[in-house]
Amino acid sequence: MRWDRLFDDLEAQLEQEIGTEHADLLAEEERLRLGRLGLRDRVHAMMPGVSADRPLRVVLADGTRLALALGAVGRDWMAGELVPEASRARTHVIPFAAIAAVMPDEQQLPASIDAAPGDPVAGPLAARLGVTFVLRDLCRRRIGVDVKTHVGSLHGTIDRVARDHLDLAEHDPDRPRRDRELRGVRMLPLAQVLSVRF
């Protein structure tokens, strides 16, 4: 009978050690998974829970606070309509490098943590496109844009997009891009661009 209790006690200790080891292994796997998550992965995972009613709050590098209904998340950018201005359908394209903070609500945060580390090369097309592709599309369409930089906001039309900068032909917001309407052309480093609104 003493032997039975001894074996029962040893069995209980062994089961506890195995359970503890398994819990430690799961905790380490979770730490490794979280360590592979990028900001893009987490924002992309929040997209289904972001809407005009529950916008994603973002702070840009210059301190500007925006509430956005997300429409797309690319490789190094995100785009959405400013809330409550969503009825005017003005879209902001924001490079992730220009973001100082993302402030999810109590329902968006758990979704972001549940994200899987993404490989943009294997994802949908929008996820693989860089911000320069989006800017080149705006250039091709000749759409008037408001470009927010670290030193202020400018209005104009994007004339060309190079590897690390864009040329913005400045003109009045209520005027189309015409040579006689131009105030000048600025070459803006992409690292200085906080958002492009169109």
C-alpha atoms as a PDB file:
ATOM      1  CA  MET A   1       0.000   0.000   0.000  1.00  0.00           C
ATOM      2  CA  ARG A   2       2.878   2.391   0.760  1.00  0.00           C
ATOM      3  CA  TRP A   3       4.301   1.531  -2.654  1.00  0.00           C
ATOM      4  CA  ASP A   4       0.993   2.448  -4.327  1.00  0.00           C
ATOM      5  CA  ARG A   5       1.017   5.878  -2.701  1.00  0.00           C
ATOM      6  CA  LEU A   6       4.675   6.363  -3.641  1.00  0.00           C
ATOM      7  CA  PHE A   7       3.979   5.534  -7.297  1.00  0.00           C
ATOM      8  CA  ASP A   8       0.854   7.707  -7.311  1.00  0.00           C
ATOM      9  CA  ASP A   9       2.888  10.585  -5.882  1.00  0.00           C
ATOM     10  CA  LEU A  10       5.680  10.095  -8.450  1.00  0.00           C
ATOM     11  CA  GLU A  11       3.114   9.900 -11.262  1.00  0.00           C
ATOM     12  CA  ALA A  12       1.462  13.147 -10.108  1.00  0.00           C
ATOM     13  CA  GLN A  13       4.849  14.903  -9.925  1.00  0.00           C
ATOM     14  CA  LEU A  14       5.774  13.669 -13.396  1.00  0.00           C
ATOM     15  CA  GLU A  15       2.440  14.842 -14.859  1.00  0.00           C
ATOM     16  CA  GLN A  16       2.901  18.254 -13.232  1.00  0.00           C
ATOM     17  CA  GLU A  17       6.439  18.582 -14.627  1.00  0.00           C
ATOM     18  CA  ILE A  18       5.252  17.558 -18.101  1.00  0.00           C
ATOM     19  CA  GLY A  19       2.378  20.061 -17.890  1.00  0.00           C
ATOM     20  CA  THR A  20       4.724  22.833 -16.762  1.00  0.00           C
ATOM     21  CA  GLU A  21       7.220  21.993 -19.519  1.00  0.00           C
ATOM     22  CA  HIS A  22       4.420  22.007 -22.117  1.00  0.00           C
ATOM     23  CA  ALA A  23       3.124  25.378 -20.855  1.00  0.00           C
ATOM     24  CA  ASP A  24       6.669  26.805 -20.983  1.00  0.00           C
ATOM     25  CA  LEU A  25       7.071  25.520 -24.541  1.00  0.00           C
ATOM     26  CA  LEU A  26       3.763  27.105 -25.619  1.00  0.00           C
ATOM     27  CA  ALA A  27       4.724  30.401 -23.965  1.00  0.00           C
ATOM     28  CA  GLU A  28       8.084  30.392 -25.772  1.00  0.00           C
ATOM     29  CA  GLU A  29       6.404  29.640 -29.115  1.00  0.00           C
ATOM     30  CA  GLU A  30       4.022  32.571 -28.531  1.00  0.00           C
ATOM     31  CA  ARG A  31       6.936  34.902 -27.696  1.00  0.00           C
ATOM     32  CA  LEU A  32       8.677  33.848 -30.916  1.00  0.00           C
ATOM     33  CA  ARG A  33       5.490  34.371 -32.970  1.00  0.00           C
ATOM     34  CA  LEU A  34       4.971  37.849 -31.505  1.00  0.00           C
ATOM     35  CA  GLY A  35       8.632  38.645 -32.155  1.00  0.00           C
ATOM     36  CA  ARG A  36       8.080  38.037 -35.887  1.00  0.00           C
ATOM     37  CA  LEU A  37       5.039  40.345 -36.128  1.00  0.00           C
ATOM     38  CA  GLY A  38       5.501  43.656 -37.859  1.00  0.00           C
ATOM     39  CA  LEU A  39       3.307  46.741 -37.566  1.00  0.00           C
ATOM     40  CA  ARG A  40       1.975  45.993 -41.049  1.00  0.00           C
ATOM     41  CA  ASP A  41       0.890  42.491 -39.951  1.00  0.00           C
ATOM     42  CA  ARG A  42      -0.969  43.845 -36.952  1.00  0.00           C
ATOM     43  CA  VAL A  43      -2.702  46.677 -38.840  1.00  0.00           C
ATOM     44  CA  HIS A  44      -3.711  44.258 -41.595  1.00  0.00           C
ATOM     45  CA  ALA A  45      -5.190  41.870 -39.008  1.00  0.00           C
ATOM     46  CA  MET A  46      -7.269  44.728 -37.559  1.00  0.00           C
ATOM     47  CA  MET A  47      -8.825  45.676 -40.925  1.00  0.00           C
ATOM     48  CA  PRO A  48     -12.040  43.644 -40.514  1.00  0.00           C
ATOM     49  CA  GLY A  49     -12.719  45.414 -37.207  1.00  0.00           C
ATOM     50  CA  VAL A  50     -12.043  48.921 -38.536  1.00  0.00           C
ATOM     51  CA  SER A  51     -14.878  50.972 -40.010  1.00  0.00           C
ATOM     52  CA  ALA A  52     -16.311  54.485 -40.029  1.00  0.00           C
ATOM     53  CA  ASP A  53     -18.081  53.583 -36.775  1.00  0.00           C
ATOM     54  CA  ARG A  54     -14.907  52.123 -35.243  1.00  0.00           C
ATOM     55  CA  PRO A  55     -11.987  53.925 -36.895  1.00  0.00           C
ATOM     56  CA  LEU A  56      -8.339  53.168 -36.310  1.00  0.00           C
ATOM     57  CA  ARG A  57      -6.632  56.045 -34.512  1.00  0.00           C
ATOM     58  CA  VAL A  58      -3.184  56.954 -35.822  1.00  0.00           C
ATOM     59  CA  VAL A  59      -0.634  59.556 -34.750  1.00  0.00           C
ATOM     60  CA  LEU A  60       1.761  60.768 -37.438  1.00  0.00           C
ATOM     61  CA  ALA A  61       5.403  61.646 -36.792  1.00  0.00           C
ATOM     62  CA  ASP A  62       4.540  65.355 -36.550  1.00  0.00           C
ATOM     63  CA  GLY A  63       1.896  64.727 -33.862  1.00  0.00           C
ATOM     64  CA  THR A  64      -1.132  64.915 -36.183  1.00  0.00           C
ATOM     65  CA  ARG A  65      -3.918  62.615 -34.986  1.00  0.00           C
ATOM     66  CA  LEU A  66      -6.138  60.864 -37.530  1.00  0.00           C
ATOM     67  CA  ALA A  67      -9.111  58.519 -37.243  1.00  0.00           C
ATOM     68  CA  LEU A  68      -9.297  56.324 -40.336  1.00  0.00           C
ATOM     69  CA  ALA A  69     -11.694  53.812 -41.832  1.00  0.00           C
ATOM     70  CA  LEU A  70      -9.073  51.555 -43.439  1.00  0.00           C
ATOM     71  CA  GLY A  71      -9.465  50.629 -47.079  1.00  0.00           C
ATOM     72  CA  ALA A  72      -6.136  48.957 -47.895  1.00  0.00           C
ATOM     73  CA  VAL A  73      -2.861  47.881 -46.351  1.00  0.00           C
ATOM     74  CA  GLY A  74       0.177  47.538 -48.586  1.00  0.00           C
ATOM     75  CA  ARG A  75       3.738  46.416 -48.043  1.00  0.00           C
ATOM     76  CA  ASP A  76       4.871  49.688 -46.448  1.00  0.00           C
ATOM     77  CA  TRP A  77       1.715  51.842 -46.386  1.00  0.00           C
ATOM     78  CA  MET A  78      -1.918  51.940 -45.422  1.00  0.00           C
ATOM     79  CA  ALA A  79      -4.828  53.910 -46.831  1.00  0.00           C
ATOM     80  CA  GLY A  80      -8.166  54.955 -45.442  1.00  0.00           C
ATOM     81  CA  GLU A  81     -10.794  57.627 -45.341  1.00  0.00           C
ATOM     82  CA  LEU A  82     -10.677  60.213 -42.620  1.00  0.00           C
ATOM     83  CA  VAL A  83     -13.563  59.861 -40.167  1.00  0.00           C
ATOM     84  CA  PRO A  84     -15.963  61.718 -39.850  1.00  0.00           C
ATOM     85  CA  GLU A  85     -15.144  63.017 -43.342  1.00  0.00           C
ATOM     86  CA  ALA A  86     -15.785  59.597 -44.924  1.00  0.00           C
ATOM     87  CA  SER A  87     -18.822  61.004 -46.728  1.00  0.00           C
ATOM     88  CA  ARG A  88     -16.474  63.225 -48.772  1.00  0.00           C
ATOM     89  CA  ALA A  89     -14.418  60.155 -49.738  1.00  0.00           C
ATOM     90  CA  ARG A  90     -11.036  61.801 -49.208  1.00  0.00           C
ATOM     91  CA  THR A  91      -8.441  59.069 -48.925  1.00  0.00           C
ATOM     92  CA  HIS A  92      -5.171  59.313 -47.007  1.00  0.00           C
ATOM     93  CA  VAL A  93      -2.186  57.192 -48.029  1.00  0.00           C
ATOM     94  CA  ILE A  94       0.189  56.909 -45.076  1.00  0.00           C
ATOM     95  CA  PRO A  95       3.629  55.264 -45.186  1.00  0.00           C
ATOM     96  CA  PHE A  96       4.251  53.109 -42.110  1.00  0.00           C
ATOM     97  CA  ALA A  97       7.543  54.981 -41.633  1.00  0.00           C
ATOM     98  CA  ALA A  98       5.507  58.169 -41.000  1.00  0.00           C
ATOM     99  CA  ILE A  99       3.512  56.667 -38.134  1.00  0.00           C
ATOM    100  CA  ALA A 100       4.453  57.602 -34.579  1.00  0.00           C
ATOM    101  CA  ALA A 101       1.706  55.480 -32.974  1.00  0.00           C
ATOM    102  CA  VAL A 102      -1.297  53.305 -33.765  1.00  0.00           C
ATOM    103  CA  MET A 103      -3.955  53.334 -31.072  1.00  0.00           C
ATOM    104  CA  PRO A 104      -6.379  50.430 -31.516  1.00  0.00           C
ATOM    105  CA  ASP A 105      -9.552  50.196 -29.465  1.00  0.00           C
ATOM    106  CA  GLU A 106     -10.328  47.367 -27.034  1.00  0.00           C
ATOM    107  CA  GLN A 107     -11.691  45.137 -29.825  1.00  0.00           C
ATOM    108  CA  GLN A 108      -9.059  45.925 -32.460  1.00  0.00           C
ATOM    109  CA  LEU A 109      -6.091  45.182 -30.172  1.00  0.00           C
ATOM    110  CA  PRO A 110      -6.815  41.444 -29.649  1.00  0.00           C
ATOM    111  CA  ALA A 111      -7.275  41.000 -33.410  1.00  0.00           C
ATOM    112  CA  SER A 112      -3.870  42.594 -34.002  1.00  0.00           C
ATOM    113  CA  ILE A 113      -2.181  40.257 -31.535  1.00  0.00           C
ATOM    114  CA  ASP A 114      -3.771  37.225 -33.206  1.00  0.00           C
ATOM    115  CA  ALA A 115      -2.144  38.179 -36.524  1.00  0.00           C
ATOM    116  CA  ALA A 116       0.082  35.733 -38.297  1.00  0.00           C
ATOM    117  CA  PRO A 117       3.519  37.002 -39.323  1.00  0.00           C
ATOM    118  CA  GLY A 118       3.028  37.877 -42.972  1.00  0.00           C
ATOM    119  CA  ASP A 119       5.139  37.447 -46.025  1.00  0.00           C
ATOM    120  CA  PRO A 120       3.990  40.230 -48.364  1.00  0.00           C
ATOM    121  CA  VAL A 121       5.496  38.358 -51.304  1.00  0.00           C
ATOM    122  CA  ALA A 122       2.970  35.560 -50.798  1.00  0.00           C
ATOM    123  CA  GLY A 123      -0.045  37.723 -49.933  1.00  0.00           C
ATOM    124  CA  PRO A 124      -2.688  39.456 -52.032  1.00  0.00           C
ATOM    125  CA  LEU A 125      -1.582  41.996 -54.638  1.00  0.00           C
ATOM    126  CA  ALA A 126      -2.237  45.103 -52.498  1.00  0.00           C
ATOM    127  CA  ALA A 127      -0.078  43.637 -49.720  1.00  0.00           C
ATOM    128  CA  ARG A 128       2.868  43.322 -52.113  1.00  0.00           C
ATOM    129  CA  LEU A 129       2.714  46.838 -53.519  1.00  0.00           C
ATOM    130  CA  GLY A 130       4.936  49.537 -52.078  1.00  0.00           C
ATOM    131  CA  VAL A 131       3.965  53.152 -51.507  1.00  0.00           C
ATOM    132  CA  THR A 132       5.852  54.213 -54.654  1.00  0.00           C
ATOM    133  CA  PHE A 133       3.453  52.122 -56.759  1.00  0.00           C
ATOM    134  CA  VAL A 134       0.461  53.937 -55.240  1.00  0.00           C
ATOM    135  CA  LEU A 135       2.110  57.330 -55.777  1.00  0.00           C
ATOM    136  CA  ARG A 136       2.938  56.439 -59.398  1.00  0.00           C
ATOM    137  CA  ASP A 137      -0.715  55.559 -59.940  1.00  0.00           C
ATOM    138  CA  LEU A 138      -1.762  58.979 -58.603  1.00  0.00           C
ATOM    139  CA  CYS A 139       0.848  60.531 -60.905  1.00  0.00           C
ATOM    140  CA  ARG A 140      -0.500  58.638 -63.918  1.00  0.00           C
ATOM    141  CA  ARG A 141      -4.063  59.731 -63.131  1.00  0.00           C
ATOM    142  CA  ARG A 142      -2.982  63.385 -62.719  1.00  0.00           C
ATOM    143  CA  ILE A 143      -5.008  63.685 -59.500  1.00  0.00           C
ATOM    144  CA  GLY A 144      -4.562  66.762 -57.329  1.00  0.00           C
ATOM    145  CA  VAL A 145      -3.181  65.791 -53.926  1.00  0.00           C
ATOM    146  CA  ASP A 146      -2.409  67.331 -50.549  1.00  0.00           C
ATOM    147  CA  VAL A 147       1.018  66.175 -49.376  1.00  0.00           C
ATOM    148  CA  LYS A 148       1.723  66.522 -45.643  1.00  0.00           C
ATOM    149  CA  THR A 149       5.408  66.677 -44.767  1.00  0.00           C
ATOM    150  CA  HIS A 150       7.350  67.294 -41.574  1.00  0.00           C
ATOM    151  CA  VAL A 151       7.424  71.020 -42.364  1.00  0.00           C
ATOM    152  CA  GLY A 152       3.876  71.603 -43.622  1.00  0.00           C
ATOM    153  CA  SER A 153       1.255  70.746 -46.221  1.00  0.00           C
ATOM    154  CA  LEU A 154       1.449  71.319 -49.960  1.00  0.00           C
ATOM    155  CA  HIS A 155      -1.100  70.989 -52.760  1.00  0.00           C
ATOM    156  CA  GLY A 156      -0.337  70.004 -56.299  1.00  0.00           C
ATOM    157  CA  THR A 157      -0.082  67.204 -58.800  1.00  0.00           C
ATOM    158  CA  ILE A 158       2.580  64.505 -58.671  1.00  0.00           C
ATOM    159  CA  ASP A 159       4.642  64.841 -61.854  1.00  0.00           C
ATOM    160  CA  ARG A 160       6.933  61.862 -61.294  1.00  0.00           C
ATOM    161  CA  VAL A 161       7.942  59.351 -58.629  1.00  0.00           C
ATOM    162  CA  ALA A 162      11.538  58.163 -58.395  1.00  0.00           C
ATOM    163  CA  ARG A 163      13.102  55.586 -56.111  1.00  0.00           C
ATOM    164  CA  ASP A 164      13.304  57.803 -53.023  1.00  0.00           C
ATOM    165  CA  HIS A 165      11.494  61.046 -53.911  1.00  0.00           C
ATOM    166  CA  LEU A 166       8.639  62.558 -55.869  1.00  0.00           C
ATOM    167  CA  ASP A 167       8.211  65.747 -57.875  1.00  0.00           C
ATOM    168  CA  LEU A 168       5.174  67.775 -56.815  1.00  0.00           C
ATOM    169  CA  ALA A 169       3.965  70.490 -59.205  1.00  0.00           C
ATOM    170  CA  GLU A 170       2.419  73.036 -56.833  1.00  0.00           C
ATOM    171  CA  HIS A 171      -0.791  74.823 -57.794  1.00  0.00           C
ATOM    172  CA  ASP A 172      -3.978  76.081 -56.157  1.00  0.00           C
ATOM    173  CA  PRO A 173      -6.428  73.383 -55.001  1.00  0.00           C
ATOM    174  CA  ASP A 174      -9.247  74.726 -57.178  1.00  0.00           C
ATOM    175  CA  ARG A 175      -7.087  74.784 -60.337  1.00  0.00           C
ATOM    176  CA  PRO A 176      -5.971  71.945 -62.602  1.00  0.00           C
ATOM    177  CA  ARG A 177      -2.273  71.382 -63.221  1.00  0.00           C
ATOM    178  CA  ARG A 178      -1.342  73.759 -66.033  1.00  0.00           C
ATOM    179  CA  ASP A 179       2.091  75.295 -66.606  1.00  0.00           C
ATOM    180  CA  ARG A 180       0.704  78.820 -66.286  1.00  0.00           C
ATOM    181  CA  GLU A 181      -0.922  77.910 -62.914  1.00  0.00           C
ATOM    182  CA  LEU A 182       2.215  76.445 -61.321  1.00  0.00           C
ATOM    183  CA  ARG A 183       3.958  78.061 -58.377  1.00  0.00           C
ATOM    184  CA  GLY A 184       6.891  75.701 -58.837  1.00  0.00           C
ATOM    185  CA  VAL A 185       7.968  72.082 -58.628  1.00  0.00           C
ATOM    186  CA  ARG A 186       9.298  70.572 -55.399  1.00  0.00           C
ATOM    187  CA  MET A 187      11.343  67.422 -55.142  1.00  0.00           C
ATOM    188  CA  LEU A 188      10.164  65.805 -51.904  1.00  0.00           C
ATOM    189  CA  PRO A 189      12.126  62.935 -50.313  1.00  0.00           C
ATOM    190  CA  LEU A 190       9.701  60.093 -49.563  1.00  0.00           C
ATOM    191  CA  ALA A 191      11.148  59.918 -46.049  1.00  0.00           C
ATOM    192  CA  GLN A 192       9.641  63.385 -45.425  1.00  0.00           C
ATOM    193  CA  VAL A 193       6.142  62.452 -46.646  1.00  0.00           C
ATOM    194  CA  LEU A 194       3.713  61.833 -43.770  1.00  0.00           C
ATOM    195  CA  SER A 195       0.547  61.420 -45.824  1.00  0.00           C
ATOM    196  CA  VAL A 196      -0.873  61.972 -49.272  1.00  0.00           C
ATOM    197  CA  ARG A 197      -4.540  62.945 -49.407  1.00  0.00           C
ATOM    198  CA  PHE A 198      -6.634  62.819 -52.565  1.00  0.00           C
END
